[in-house]
């Protein structure tokens, strides 16, 4: 059974940084497209960033380009999201997602983590 477990969320002031991590078990990470979604209260879930199986392709939501960086370490079965210059509007529950076939990811991704809260204070 594939499990995705996020870590690294928390409370940070505007302009600060956080690094999210997603650990994969039950299946080799190299067989999965992986990414991060976020959902704020009252808003739809949106894809923030995605990375292809071996990391050769990436996708970023326009509002995070230049501030967030997605990466992966298939040997460690981990994926990361480095978030810099955080803004209050980045506050949301961030969820790790993965799929063996879909590129880029969509809300129909096969595997999902539980989510981690990111709160950016002004």
Protein backbone atom coordinates (compact mmCIF):
# COMPACT_ATOMS: atom_id res chain seq x y z
CA UNK A 1 0.00 0.00 0.00
CA UNK A 2 1.40 3.37 -1.00
CA UNK A 3 1.63 5.98 1.74
CA UNK A 4 2.61 9.63 1.47
CA UNK A 5 3.54 11.44 4.67
CA UNK A 6 4.13 15.19 4.76
CA UNK A 7 6.21 17.13 7.25
CA UNK A 8 7.61 20.63 7.63
CA UNK A 9 4.52 22.81 7.90
CA UNK A 10 4.10 25.44 10.57
CA UNK A 11 3.72 29.12 11.36
CA UNK A 12 6.04 31.66 9.78
CA UNK A 13 6.07 35.42 9.34
CA UNK A 14 5.58 37.00 5.94
CA UNK A 15 8.85 36.97 4.02
CA UNK A 16 10.03 33.84 5.78
CA UNK A 17 10.73 30.35 4.48
CA UNK A 18 9.56 26.80 5.06
CA UNK A 19 10.59 23.49 3.56
CA UNK A 20 7.96 20.79 3.14
CA UNK A 21 8.94 17.15 2.79
CA UNK A 22 6.92 14.20 1.49
CA UNK A 23 8.08 10.67 2.27
CA UNK A 24 6.89 7.83 0.05
CA UNK A 25 6.54 4.21 1.10
CA UNK A 26 5.07 1.11 -0.49
CA UNK A 27 6.23 1.99 -4.00
CA UNK A 28 9.40 3.39 -5.52
CA UNK A 29 9.14 7.16 -5.82
CA UNK A 30 10.81 7.01 -9.24
CA UNK A 31 7.66 5.39 -10.65
CA UNK A 32 5.51 8.34 -9.59
CA UNK A 33 4.79 11.85 -10.78
CA UNK A 34 4.66 13.86 -7.56
CA UNK A 35 3.46 17.26 -6.51
CA UNK A 36 1.97 19.59 -3.94
CA UNK A 37 -1.59 20.84 -3.76
CA UNK A 38 -2.96 23.41 -1.35
CA UNK A 39 -6.40 24.33 -0.13
CA UNK A 40 -7.31 27.39 1.90
CA UNK A 41 -10.64 27.72 3.74
CA UNK A 42 -13.44 28.51 1.31
CA UNK A 43 -11.24 28.03 -1.73
CA UNK A 44 -10.76 25.23 -4.24
CA UNK A 45 -7.78 22.96 -4.03
CA UNK A 46 -5.07 24.01 -6.46
CA UNK A 47 -1.89 22.45 -7.78
CA UNK A 48 1.07 24.43 -6.50
CA UNK A 49 3.96 22.51 -8.04
CA UNK A 50 4.66 19.17 -9.68
CA UNK A 51 7.73 17.23 -10.72
CA UNK A 52 8.04 14.44 -13.25
CA UNK A 53 9.24 10.91 -12.52
CA UNK A 54 12.96 11.67 -12.71
CA UNK A 55 12.71 15.41 -12.14
CA UNK A 56 13.34 16.51 -15.71
CA UNK A 57 10.12 18.52 -15.87
CA UNK A 58 8.48 20.79 -13.33
CA UNK A 59 5.28 22.79 -13.11
CA UNK A 60 4.54 25.82 -10.93
CA UNK A 61 1.41 27.81 -10.20
CA UNK A 62 1.97 31.32 -11.56
CA UNK A 63 1.64 32.94 -8.14
CA UNK A 64 4.54 30.90 -6.68
CA UNK A 65 6.99 31.05 -9.58
CA UNK A 66 10.33 32.44 -8.44
CA UNK A 67 9.51 31.81 -4.77
CA UNK A 68 8.89 28.04 -4.51
CA UNK A 69 11.15 25.23 -5.70
CA UNK A 70 10.10 21.59 -6.01
CA UNK A 71 12.68 18.82 -5.95
CA UNK A 72 12.92 15.10 -5.37
CA UNK A 73 15.40 12.50 -4.17
CA UNK A 74 14.30 9.16 -5.61
CA UNK A 75 17.05 7.29 -3.76
CA UNK A 76 15.51 8.49 -0.50
CA UNK A 77 11.92 8.25 -1.78
CA UNK A 78 11.34 11.88 -0.85
CA UNK A 79 10.02 15.02 -2.47
CA UNK A 80 10.50 18.57 -1.22
CA UNK A 81 8.95 22.00 -1.59
CA UNK A 82 11.18 24.90 -0.64
CA UNK A 83 8.99 27.95 -0.03
CA UNK A 84 10.68 31.34 0.19
CA UNK A 85 9.32 34.88 0.47
CA UNK A 86 6.10 33.51 1.90
CA UNK A 87 2.98 35.65 1.83
CA UNK A 88 -0.19 35.48 3.95
CA UNK A 89 -2.08 34.30 0.86
CA UNK A 90 0.14 31.19 0.81
CA UNK A 91 -1.56 30.02 4.02
CA UNK A 92 -3.33 26.71 3.39
CA UNK A 93 -3.23 23.00 4.02
CA UNK A 94 -0.54 21.62 1.73
CA UNK A 95 -0.95 18.04 0.55
CA UNK A 96 1.47 15.76 -1.20
CA UNK A 97 0.04 13.83 -4.15
CA UNK A 98 1.37 11.25 -6.58
CA UNK A 99 0.29 9.31 -9.63
CA UNK A 100 2.05 6.71 -11.79
CA UNK A 101 0.76 8.10 -15.11
CA UNK A 102 -0.66 11.62 -14.97
CA UNK A 103 1.49 14.58 -16.03
CA UNK A 104 0.96 17.13 -14.80
CA UNK A 105 -0.94 16.06 -11.71
CA UNK A 106 -4.62 16.73 -11.31
CA UNK A 107 -7.21 16.35 -8.58
CA UNK A 108 -7.63 12.77 -9.85
CA UNK A 109 -4.15 11.81 -8.58
CA UNK A 110 -4.10 8.27 -7.24
CA UNK A 111 -2.26 8.79 -3.96
CA UNK A 112 -2.63 11.54 -1.36
CA UNK A 113 -1.04 12.47 1.94
CA UNK A 114 -2.93 13.75 4.97
CA UNK A 115 -1.77 17.33 4.55
CA UNK A 116 0.22 19.79 6.63
CA UNK A 117 -0.83 23.26 7.69
CA UNK A 118 1.16 26.27 6.54
CA UNK A 119 0.24 29.58 8.16
CA UNK A 120 1.91 32.85 7.14
CA UNK A 121 1.32 35.78 9.46
CA UNK A 122 1.42 39.38 8.23
